[in-house]
Amino acid sequence: MKLIVYVSSGYFDRKDPDFRDEWARPQSLREIYFHYAACSPASPSWRAYLLQHLVRILDEYGVDGLYNDLGYRKLAGNPLPPTTDEVPAFDEGRATGSDRD
């Protein structure tokens, strides 16, 4: 049996004491008690925070993998302003294969 842990790297609760505004665009997702920020994959500080915690989960709990339900929203064509530390690493304007909307 393998143990795969569910994560969502695209959202983080705004009420969490570790949350930083520069990780997120203004849009939010409200689910009962939670107030999730839509974190940008183009934010280096969000990736640095998230990845260290994912590695710790893999190491400490010995899980076999992660299922990442990204909750990812394409940056291209998004009318909202970028995060304060956003670094667009590649052009997301062209959709290919299953990425087409």
PDB file of N, CA and C in Angstrom:
ATOM      1  N   MET A   1       0.837  -1.163   0.000  1.00  0.00           N
ATOM      2  CA  MET A   1       0.000   0.000   0.000  1.00  0.00           C
ATOM      3  C   MET A   1       0.891   1.237   0.000  1.00  0.00           C
ATOM      4  N   LYS A   2       0.481   2.220  -0.777  1.00  0.00           N
ATOM      5  CA  LYS A   2       1.204   3.496  -0.837  1.00  0.00           C
ATOM      6  C   LYS A   2       0.332   4.582  -0.229  1.00  0.00           C
ATOM      7  N   LEU A   3       0.984   5.543   0.400  1.00  0.00           N
ATOM      8  CA  LEU A   3       0.273   6.652   1.015  1.00  0.00           C
ATOM      9  C   LEU A   3       0.579   7.929   0.232  1.00  0.00           C
ATOM     10  N   ILE A   4      -0.457   8.487  -0.376  1.00  0.00           N
ATOM     11  CA  ILE A   4      -0.343   9.721  -1.152  1.00  0.00           C
ATOM     12  C   ILE A   4      -1.108  10.804  -0.392  1.00  0.00           C
ATOM     13  N   VAL A   5      -0.436  11.901  -0.070  1.00  0.00           N
ATOM     14  CA  VAL A   5      -1.039  12.984   0.705  1.00  0.00           C
ATOM     15  C   VAL A   5      -1.594  14.047  -0.237  1.00  0.00           C
ATOM     16  N   TYR A   6      -2.776  14.553   0.086  1.00  0.00           N
ATOM     17  CA  TYR A   6      -3.432  15.603  -0.697  1.00  0.00           C
ATOM     18  C   TYR A   6      -2.907  16.965  -0.257  1.00  0.00           C
ATOM     19  N   VAL A   7      -2.501  17.788  -1.221  1.00  0.00           N
ATOM     20  CA  VAL A   7      -2.111  19.178  -0.956  1.00  0.00           C
ATOM     21  C   VAL A   7      -2.726  20.053  -2.037  1.00  0.00           C
ATOM     22  N   SER A   8      -2.841  21.328  -1.745  1.00  0.00           N
ATOM     23  CA  SER A   8      -3.296  22.292  -2.738  1.00  0.00           C
ATOM     24  C   SER A   8      -2.336  23.469  -2.699  1.00  0.00           C
ATOM     25  N   SER A   9      -1.394  23.487  -3.607  1.00  0.00           N
ATOM     26  CA  SER A   9      -0.346  24.510  -3.587  1.00  0.00           C
ATOM     27  C   SER A   9      -0.820  25.862  -4.095  1.00  0.00           C
ATOM     28  N   GLY A  10      -2.042  25.935  -4.592  1.00  0.00           N
ATOM     29  CA  GLY A  10      -2.549  27.200  -5.108  1.00  0.00           C
ATOM     30  C   GLY A  10      -3.283  28.038  -4.078  1.00  0.00           C
ATOM     31  N   TYR A  11      -3.588  27.478  -2.916  1.00  0.00           N
ATOM     32  CA  TYR A  11      -4.370  28.205  -1.917  1.00  0.00           C
ATOM     33  C   TYR A  11      -3.752  28.075  -0.529  1.00  0.00           C
ATOM     34  N   PHE A  12      -3.914  29.136   0.264  1.00  0.00           N
ATOM     35  CA  PHE A  12      -3.416  29.150   1.640  1.00  0.00           C
ATOM     36  C   PHE A  12      -4.361  30.022   2.459  1.00  0.00           C
ATOM     37  N   ASP A  13      -4.679  29.586   3.662  1.00  0.00           N
ATOM     38  CA  ASP A  13      -5.622  30.312   4.499  1.00  0.00           C
ATOM     39  C   ASP A  13      -5.050  31.666   4.933  1.00  0.00           C
ATOM     40  N   ARG A  14      -5.783  32.732   4.629  1.00  0.00           N
ATOM     41  CA  ARG A  14      -5.350  34.086   4.985  1.00  0.00           C
ATOM     42  C   ARG A  14      -5.245  34.283   6.500  1.00  0.00           C
ATOM     43  N   LYS A  15      -5.930  33.460   7.295  1.00  0.00           N
ATOM     44  CA  LYS A  15      -5.883  33.598   8.748  1.00  0.00           C
ATOM     45  C   LYS A  15      -4.688  32.881   9.372  1.00  0.00           C
ATOM     46  N   ASP A  16      -3.960  32.121   8.590  1.00  0.00           N
ATOM     47  CA  ASP A  16      -2.791  31.421   9.117  1.00  0.00           C
ATOM     48  C   ASP A  16      -1.727  32.446   9.527  1.00  0.00           C
ATOM     49  N   PRO A  17      -1.094  32.280  10.674  1.00  0.00           N
ATOM     50  CA  PRO A  17      -0.090  33.260  11.106  1.00  0.00           C
ATOM     51  C   PRO A  17       1.113  33.371  10.162  1.00  0.00           C
ATOM     52  N   ASP A  18       1.356  32.357   9.349  1.00  0.00           N
ATOM     53  CA  ASP A  18       2.470  32.403   8.398  1.00  0.00           C
ATOM     54  C   ASP A  18       2.126  33.118   7.094  1.00  0.00           C
ATOM     55  N   PHE A  19       0.837  33.379   6.846  1.00  0.00           N
ATOM     56  CA  PHE A  19       0.428  33.969   5.573  1.00  0.00           C
ATOM     57  C   PHE A  19       1.037  35.357   5.375  1.00  0.00           C
ATOM     58  N   ARG A  20       1.500  35.611   4.128  1.00  0.00           N
ATOM     59  CA  ARG A  20       2.034  36.920   3.751  1.00  0.00           C
ATOM     60  C   ARG A  20       1.300  37.412   2.509  1.00  0.00           C
ATOM     61  N   ASP A  21       0.882  38.678   2.533  1.00  0.00           N
ATOM     62  CA  ASP A  21       0.099  39.253   1.437  1.00  0.00           C
ATOM     63  C   ASP A  21       0.808  39.182   0.088  1.00  0.00           C
ATOM     64  N   GLU A  22       2.125  39.254   0.074  1.00  0.00           N
ATOM     65  CA  GLU A  22       2.826  39.269  -1.213  1.00  0.00           C
ATOM     66  C   GLU A  22       2.726  37.946  -1.977  1.00  0.00           C
ATOM     67  N   TRP A  23       2.257  36.892  -1.330  1.00  0.00           N
ATOM     68  CA  TRP A  23       2.102  35.605  -2.004  1.00  0.00           C
ATOM     69  C   TRP A  23       0.862  35.542  -2.876  1.00  0.00           C
ATOM     70  N   ALA A  24      -0.104  36.400  -2.621  1.00  0.00           N
ATOM     71  CA  ALA A  24      -1.434  36.199  -3.203  1.00  0.00           C
ATOM     72  C   ALA A  24      -1.924  37.371  -4.032  1.00  0.00           C
ATOM     73  N   ARG A  25      -2.757  37.009  -4.973  1.00  0.00           N
ATOM     74  CA  ARG A  25      -3.521  38.002  -5.720  1.00  0.00           C
ATOM     75  C   ARG A  25      -4.766  38.325  -4.888  1.00  0.00           C
ATOM     76  N   PRO A  26      -5.485  39.392  -5.253  1.00  0.00           N
ATOM     77  CA  PRO A  26      -6.629  39.802  -4.429  1.00  0.00           C
ATOM     78  C   PRO A  26      -7.775  38.792  -4.335  1.00  0.00           C
ATOM     79  N   GLN A  27      -7.922  37.880  -5.292  1.00  0.00           N
ATOM     80  CA  GLN A  27      -9.052  36.960  -5.223  1.00  0.00           C
ATOM     81  C   GLN A  27      -8.915  35.975  -4.063  1.00  0.00           C
ATOM     82  N   SER A  28     -10.040  35.522  -3.575  1.00  0.00           N
ATOM     83  CA  SER A  28     -10.076  34.604  -2.436  1.00  0.00           C
ATOM     84  C   SER A  28     -11.099  33.513  -2.689  1.00  0.00           C
ATOM     85  N   LEU A  29     -11.019  32.474  -1.887  1.00  0.00           N
ATOM     86  CA  LEU A  29     -11.971  31.376  -1.910  1.00  0.00           C
ATOM     87  C   LEU A  29     -12.437  31.179  -0.469  1.00  0.00           C
ATOM     88  N   ARG A  30     -13.725  31.326  -0.239  1.00  0.00           N
ATOM     89  CA  ARG A  30     -14.279  31.129   1.108  1.00  0.00           C
ATOM     90  C   ARG A  30     -14.971  29.775   1.155  1.00  0.00           C
ATOM     91  N   GLU A  31     -14.542  28.963   2.097  1.00  0.00           N
ATOM     92  CA  GLU A  31     -15.106  27.630   2.302  1.00  0.00           C
ATOM     93  C   GLU A  31     -15.404  27.475   3.788  1.00  0.00           C
ATOM     94  N   ILE A  32     -16.652  27.597   4.160  1.00  0.00           N
ATOM     95  CA  ILE A  32     -17.116  27.471   5.539  1.00  0.00           C
ATOM     96  C   ILE A  32     -16.265  28.376   6.448  1.00  0.00           C
ATOM     97  N   TYR A  33     -15.353  27.805   7.213  1.00  0.00           N
ATOM     98  CA  TYR A  33     -14.528  28.553   8.162  1.00  0.00           C
ATOM     99  C   TYR A  33     -13.320  29.207   7.501  1.00  0.00           C
ATOM    100  N   PHE A  34     -12.854  28.649   6.415  1.00  0.00           N
ATOM    101  CA  PHE A  34     -11.591  29.074   5.809  1.00  0.00           C
ATOM    102  C   PHE A  34     -11.762  30.252   4.856  1.00  0.00           C
ATOM    103  N   HIS A  35     -10.740  31.070   4.782  1.00  0.00           N
ATOM    104  CA  HIS A  35     -10.664  32.202   3.848  1.00  0.00           C
ATOM    105  C   HIS A  35      -9.351  32.057   3.091  1.00  0.00           C
ATOM    106  N   TYR A  36      -9.402  31.318   1.982  1.00  0.00           N
ATOM    107  CA  TYR A  36      -8.197  30.971   1.243  1.00  0.00           C
ATOM    108  C   TYR A  36      -7.775  32.087   0.293  1.00  0.00           C
ATOM    109  N   ALA A  37      -6.482  32.352   0.270  1.00  0.00           N
ATOM    110  CA  ALA A  37      -5.890  33.261  -0.707  1.00  0.00           C
ATOM    111  C   ALA A  37      -5.446  32.431  -1.899  1.00  0.00           C
ATOM    112  N   ALA A  38      -5.595  32.974  -3.101  1.00  0.00           N
ATOM    113  CA  ALA A  38      -5.093  32.318  -4.312  1.00  0.00           C
ATOM    114  C   ALA A  38      -3.626  32.712  -4.470  1.00  0.00           C
ATOM    115  N   CYS A  39      -2.748  31.841  -4.040  1.00  0.00           N
ATOM    116  CA  CYS A  39      -1.311  32.130  -4.063  1.00  0.00           C
ATOM    117  C   CYS A  39      -0.749  31.931  -5.468  1.00  0.00           C
ATOM    118  N   SER A  40       0.192  32.776  -5.817  1.00  0.00           N
ATOM    119  CA  SER A  40       0.755  32.766  -7.160  1.00  0.00           C
ATOM    120  C   SER A  40       1.955  31.831  -7.263  1.00  0.00           C
ATOM    121  N   PRO A  41       1.935  30.910  -8.234  1.00  0.00           N
ATOM    122  CA  PRO A  41       3.110  30.064  -8.438  1.00  0.00           C
ATOM    123  C   PRO A  41       4.313  30.867  -8.921  1.00  0.00           C
ATOM    124  N   ALA A  42       4.091  32.099  -9.360  1.00  0.00           N
ATOM    125  CA  ALA A  42       5.187  32.963  -9.798  1.00  0.00           C
ATOM    126  C   ALA A  42       5.804  33.751  -8.646  1.00  0.00           C
ATOM    127  N   SER A  43       5.342  33.526  -7.436  1.00  0.00           N
ATOM    128  CA  SER A  43       5.892  34.202  -6.260  1.00  0.00           C
ATOM    129  C   SER A  43       7.030  33.372  -5.674  1.00  0.00           C
ATOM    130  N   PRO A  44       8.272  33.848  -5.777  1.00  0.00           N
ATOM    131  CA  PRO A  44       9.399  33.071  -5.246  1.00  0.00           C
ATOM    132  C   PRO A  44       9.288  32.824  -3.739  1.00  0.00           C
ATOM    133  N   SER A  45       8.783  33.793  -2.993  1.00  0.00           N
ATOM    134  CA  SER A  45       8.696  33.599  -1.545  1.00  0.00           C
ATOM    135  C   SER A  45       7.603  32.592  -1.179  1.00  0.00           C
ATOM    136  N   TRP A  46       6.511  32.521  -1.956  1.00  0.00           N
ATOM    137  CA  TRP A  46       5.485  31.493  -1.720  1.00  0.00           C
ATOM    138  C   TRP A  46       6.053  30.112  -2.003  1.00  0.00           C
ATOM    139  N   ARG A  47       6.756  29.975  -3.134  1.00  0.00           N
ATOM    140  CA  ARG A  47       7.352  28.671  -3.468  1.00  0.00           C
ATOM    141  C   ARG A  47       8.357  28.252  -2.396  1.00  0.00           C
ATOM    142  N   ALA A  48       9.181  29.181  -1.917  1.00  0.00           N
ATOM    143  CA  ALA A  48      10.177  28.853  -0.894  1.00  0.00           C
ATOM    144  C   ALA A  48       9.495  28.371   0.387  1.00  0.00           C
ATOM    145  N   TYR A  49       8.433  29.050   0.780  1.00  0.00           N
ATOM    146  CA  TYR A  49       7.694  28.641   1.981  1.00  0.00           C
ATOM    147  C   TYR A  49       7.062  27.263   1.783  1.00  0.00           C
ATOM    148  N   LEU A  50       6.331  27.106   0.684  1.00  0.00           N
ATOM    149  CA  LEU A  50       5.597  25.872   0.431  1.00  0.00           C
ATOM    150  C   LEU A  50       6.526  24.665   0.285  1.00  0.00           C
ATOM    151  N   LEU A  51       7.565  24.795  -0.523  1.00  0.00           N
ATOM    152  CA  LEU A  51       8.425  23.641  -0.810  1.00  0.00           C
ATOM    153  C   LEU A  51       9.130  23.113   0.428  1.00  0.00           C
ATOM    154  N   GLN A  52       9.574  23.994   1.322  1.00  0.00           N
ATOM    155  CA  GLN A  52      10.231  23.491   2.532  1.00  0.00           C
ATOM    156  C   GLN A  52       9.263  22.667   3.388  1.00  0.00           C
ATOM    157  N   HIS A  53       7.991  23.053   3.396  1.00  0.00           N
ATOM    158  CA  HIS A  53       7.001  22.302   4.169  1.00  0.00           C
ATOM    159  C   HIS A  53       6.635  20.984   3.492  1.00  0.00           C
ATOM    160  N   LEU A  54       6.579  20.974   2.180  1.00  0.00           N
ATOM    161  CA  LEU A  54       6.305  19.722   1.467  1.00  0.00           C
ATOM    162  C   LEU A  54       7.429  18.719   1.671  1.00  0.00           C
ATOM    163  N   VAL A  55       8.660  19.185   1.607  1.00  0.00           N
ATOM    164  CA  VAL A  55       9.814  18.298   1.836  1.00  0.00           C
ATOM    165  C   VAL A  55       9.773  17.744   3.262  1.00  0.00           C
ATOM    166  N   ARG A  56       9.440  18.587   4.236  1.00  0.00           N
ATOM    167  CA  ARG A  56       9.356  18.139   5.627  1.00  0.00           C
ATOM    168  C   ARG A  56       8.282  17.048   5.784  1.00  0.00           C
ATOM    169  N   ILE A  57       7.138  17.235   5.140  1.00  0.00           N
ATOM    170  CA  ILE A  57       6.071  16.226   5.210  1.00  0.00           C
ATOM    171  C   ILE A  57       6.554  14.900   4.628  1.00  0.00           C
ATOM    172  N   LEU A  58       7.213  14.962   3.482  1.00  0.00           N
ATOM    173  CA  LEU A  58       7.727  13.742   2.859  1.00  0.00           C
ATOM    174  C   LEU A  58       8.749  13.049   3.753  1.00  0.00           C
ATOM    175  N   ASP A  59       9.645  13.831   4.364  1.00  0.00           N
ATOM    176  CA  ASP A  59      10.695  13.258   5.220  1.00  0.00           C
ATOM    177  C   ASP A  59      10.160  12.729   6.552  1.00  0.00           C
ATOM    178  N   GLU A  60       9.369  13.535   7.239  1.00  0.00           N
ATOM    179  CA  GLU A  60       8.926  13.181   8.584  1.00  0.00           C
ATOM    180  C   GLU A  60       7.885  12.072   8.616  1.00  0.00           C
ATOM    181  N   TYR A  61       6.995  12.053   7.643  1.00  0.00           N
ATOM    182  CA  TYR A  61       5.901  11.097   7.693  1.00  0.00           C
ATOM    183  C   TYR A  61       6.097   9.905   6.772  1.00  0.00           C
ATOM    184  N   GLY A  62       7.137   9.941   5.953  1.00  0.00           N
ATOM    185  CA  GLY A  62       7.430   8.801   5.096  1.00  0.00           C
ATOM    186  C   GLY A  62       6.361   8.503   4.063  1.00  0.00           C
ATOM    187  N   VAL A  63       5.638   9.526   3.641  1.00  0.00           N
ATOM    188  CA  VAL A  63       4.618   9.292   2.625  1.00  0.00           C
ATOM    189  C   VAL A  63       5.284   8.976   1.292  1.00  0.00           C
ATOM    190  N   ASP A  64       4.533   8.343   0.415  1.00  0.00           N
ATOM    191  CA  ASP A  64       5.082   7.920  -0.869  1.00  0.00           C
ATOM    192  C   ASP A  64       4.967   8.970  -1.965  1.00  0.00           C
ATOM    193  N   GLY A  65       4.166   9.975  -1.738  1.00  0.00           N
ATOM    194  CA  GLY A  65       4.019  11.002  -2.756  1.00  0.00           C
ATOM    195  C   GLY A  65       2.979  12.022  -2.360  1.00  0.00           C
ATOM    196  N   LEU A  66       2.806  12.995  -3.244  1.00  0.00           N
ATOM    197  CA  LEU A  66       1.847  14.066  -3.023  1.00  0.00           C
ATOM    198  C   LEU A  66       0.896  14.150  -4.205  1.00  0.00           C
ATOM    199  N   TYR A  67      -0.380  14.353  -3.916  1.00  0.00           N
ATOM    200  CA  TYR A  67      -1.342  14.677  -4.953  1.00  0.00           C
ATOM    201  C   TYR A  67      -1.577  16.174  -4.835  1.00  0.00           C
ATOM    202  N   ASN A  68      -1.130  16.935  -5.813  1.00  0.00           N
ATOM    203  CA  ASN A  68      -1.247  18.384  -5.766  1.00  0.00           C
ATOM    204  C   ASN A  68      -2.452  18.838  -6.579  1.00  0.00           C
ATOM    205  N   ASP A  69      -3.506  19.216  -5.882  1.00  0.00           N
ATOM    206  CA  ASP A  69      -4.690  19.787  -6.508  1.00  0.00           C
ATOM    207  C   ASP A  69      -4.412  21.289  -6.574  1.00  0.00           C
ATOM    208  N   LEU A  70      -3.695  21.671  -7.596  1.00  0.00           N
ATOM    209  CA  LEU A  70      -3.111  23.011  -7.680  1.00  0.00           C
ATOM    210  C   LEU A  70      -4.044  24.162  -7.358  1.00  0.00           C
ATOM    211  N   GLY A  71      -5.231  24.132  -7.881  1.00  0.00           N
ATOM    212  CA  GLY A  71      -6.068  25.306  -7.755  1.00  0.00           C
ATOM    213  C   GLY A  71      -5.438  26.449  -8.527  1.00  0.00           C
ATOM    214  N   TYR A  72      -4.653  26.093  -9.531  1.00  0.00           N
ATOM    215  CA  TYR A  72      -3.846  27.053 -10.287  1.00  0.00           C
ATOM    216  C   TYR A  72      -4.678  27.826 -11.290  1.00  0.00           C
ATOM    217  N   ARG A  73      -4.529  29.119 -11.296  1.00  0.00           N
ATOM    218  CA  ARG A  73      -5.180  29.977 -12.283  1.00  0.00           C
ATOM    219  C   ARG A  73      -4.092  30.587 -13.145  1.00  0.00           C
ATOM    220  N   LYS A  74      -4.249  30.471 -14.440  1.00  0.00           N
ATOM    221  CA  LYS A  74      -3.232  30.993 -15.352  1.00  0.00           C
ATOM    222  C   LYS A  74      -3.001  32.474 -15.114  1.00  0.00           C
ATOM    223  N   LEU A  75      -1.756  32.877 -15.206  1.00  0.00           N
ATOM    224  CA  LEU A  75      -1.406  34.281 -15.016  1.00  0.00           C
ATOM    225  C   LEU A  75      -1.746  35.092 -16.254  1.00  0.00           C
ATOM    226  N   ALA A  76      -1.635  34.488 -17.427  1.00  0.00           N
ATOM    227  CA  ALA A  76      -1.894  35.206 -18.675  1.00  0.00           C
ATOM    228  C   ALA A  76      -3.363  35.585 -18.758  1.00  0.00           C
ATOM    229  N   GLY A  77      -3.612  36.828 -19.063  1.00  0.00           N
ATOM    230  CA  GLY A  77      -4.973  37.290 -19.224  1.00  0.00           C
ATOM    231  C   GLY A  77      -5.697  37.542 -17.915  1.00  0.00           C
ATOM    232  N   ASN A  78      -5.028  37.361 -16.788  1.00  0.00           N
ATOM    233  CA  ASN A  78      -5.647  37.611 -15.496  1.00  0.00           C
ATOM    234  C   ASN A  78      -5.700  39.119 -15.280  1.00  0.00           C
ATOM    235  N   PRO A  79      -6.891  39.690 -15.125  1.00  0.00           N
ATOM    236  CA  PRO A  79      -7.007  41.140 -15.001  1.00  0.00           C
ATOM    237  C   PRO A  79      -6.529  41.682 -13.657  1.00  0.00           C
ATOM    238  N   LEU A  80      -6.293  40.806 -12.693  1.00  0.00           N
ATOM    239  CA  LEU A  80      -5.851  41.267 -11.382  1.00  0.00           C
ATOM    240  C   LEU A  80      -4.367  41.615 -11.409  1.00  0.00           C
ATOM    241  N   PRO A  81      -3.953  42.554 -10.569  1.00  0.00           N
ATOM    242  CA  PRO A  81      -2.540  42.916 -10.538  1.00  0.00           C
ATOM    243  C   PRO A  81      -1.697  41.752 -10.020  1.00  0.00           C
ATOM    244  N   PRO A  82      -0.432  41.672 -10.446  1.00  0.00           N
ATOM    245  CA  PRO A  82       0.441  40.586  -9.971  1.00  0.00           C
ATOM    246  C   PRO A  82       0.739  40.757  -8.488  1.00  0.00           C
ATOM    247  N   THR A  83       1.234  39.704  -7.876  1.00  0.00           N
ATOM    248  CA  THR A  83       1.663  39.803  -6.487  1.00  0.00           C
ATOM    249  C   THR A  83       2.881  40.718  -6.443  1.00  0.00           C
ATOM    250  N   THR A  84       3.213  41.212  -5.250  1.00  0.00           N
ATOM    251  CA  THR A  84       4.311  42.177  -5.146  1.00  0.00           C
ATOM    252  C   THR A  84       5.675  41.567  -5.445  1.00  0.00           C
ATOM    253  N   ASP A  85       5.806  40.243  -5.297  1.00  0.00           N
ATOM    254  CA  ASP A  85       7.108  39.626  -5.584  1.00  0.00           C
ATOM    255  C   ASP A  85       7.053  38.667  -6.772  1.00  0.00           C
ATOM    256  N   GLU A  86       6.027  38.801  -7.616  1.00  0.00           N
ATOM    257  CA  GLU A  86       5.828  37.874  -8.738  1.00  0.00           C
ATOM    258  C   GLU A  86       6.936  37.999  -9.786  1.00  0.00           C
ATOM    259  N   VAL A  87       7.425  36.847 -10.236  1.00  0.00           N
ATOM    260  CA  VAL A  87       8.450  36.778 -11.272  1.00  0.00           C
ATOM    261  C   VAL A  87       7.949  35.833 -12.357  1.00  0.00           C
ATOM    262  N   PRO A  88       7.417  36.375 -13.471  1.00  0.00           N
ATOM    263  CA  PRO A  88       6.944  35.479 -14.533  1.00  0.00           C
ATOM    264  C   PRO A  88       8.131  34.814 -15.231  1.00  0.00           C
ATOM    265  N   ALA A  89       8.305  33.519 -14.992  1.00  0.00           N
ATOM    266  CA  ALA A  89       9.478  32.804 -15.487  1.00  0.00           C
ATOM    267  C   ALA A  89       9.347  32.366 -16.940  1.00  0.00           C
ATOM    268  N   PHE A  90       8.129  32.287 -17.448  1.00  0.00           N
ATOM    269  CA  PHE A  90       7.923  31.845 -18.823  1.00  0.00           C
ATOM    270  C   PHE A  90       6.604  32.405 -19.328  1.00  0.00           C
ATOM    271  N   ASP A  91       6.425  32.414 -20.633  1.00  0.00           N
ATOM    272  CA  ASP A  91       5.217  32.928 -21.268  1.00  0.00           C
ATOM    273  C   ASP A  91       4.098  31.909 -21.144  1.00  0.00           C
ATOM    274  N   GLU A  92       3.040  32.284 -20.450  1.00  0.00           N
ATOM    275  CA  GLU A  92       1.909  31.388 -20.295  1.00  0.00           C
ATOM    276  C   GLU A  92       0.783  31.731 -21.261  1.00  0.00           C
ATOM    277  N   GLY A  93       1.070  32.575 -22.225  1.00  0.00           N
ATOM    278  CA  GLY A  93       0.047  33.027 -23.153  1.00  0.00           C
ATOM    279  C   GLY A  93      -0.386  31.999 -24.171  1.00  0.00           C
ATOM    280  N   ARG A  94       0.428  30.987 -24.424  1.00  0.00           N
ATOM    281  CA  ARG A  94       0.086  29.965 -25.409  1.00  0.00           C
ATOM    282  C   ARG A  94      -0.388  28.709 -24.706  1.00  0.00           C
ATOM    283  N   ALA A  95      -1.590  28.271 -25.035  1.00  0.00           N
ATOM    284  CA  ALA A  95      -2.105  27.021 -24.474  1.00  0.00           C
ATOM    285  C   ALA A  95      -1.816  25.902 -25.451  1.00  0.00           C
ATOM    286  N   THR A  96      -1.386  24.768 -24.903  1.00  0.00           N
ATOM    287  CA  THR A  96      -1.112  23.607 -25.743  1.00  0.00           C
ATOM    288  C   THR A  96      -1.743  22.382 -25.126  1.00  0.00           C
ATOM    289  N   GLY A  97      -2.120  21.464 -25.946  1.00  0.00           N
ATOM    290  CA  GLY A  97      -2.638  20.179 -25.466  1.00  0.00           C
ATOM    291  C   GLY A  97      -3.804  20.348 -24.541  1.00  0.00           C
ATOM    292  N   SER A  98      -3.734  19.720 -23.353  1.00  0.00           N
ATOM    293  CA  SER A  98      -4.841  19.736 -22.413  1.00  0.00           C
ATOM    294  C   SER A  98      -4.945  21.058 -21.655  1.00  0.00           C
ATOM    295  N   ASP A  99      -4.021  21.994 -21.878  1.00  0.00           N
ATOM    296  CA  ASP A  99      -4.059  23.286 -21.195  1.00  0.00           C
ATOM    297  C   ASP A  99      -5.041  24.263 -21.832  1.00  0.00           C
ATOM    298  N   ARG A 100      -5.614  23.916 -22.952  1.00  0.00           N
ATOM    299  CA  ARG A 100      -6.515  24.845 -23.632  1.00  0.00           C
ATOM    300  C   ARG A 100      -7.770  25.081 -22.820  1.00  0.00           C
ATOM    301  N   ASP A 101      -8.208  26.345 -22.789  1.00  0.00           N
ATOM    302  CA  ASP A 101      -9.435  26.687 -22.046  1.00  0.00           C
ATOM    303  C   ASP A 101     -10.635  26.529 -22.934  1.00  0.00           C
TER     304      ASP A 101
END
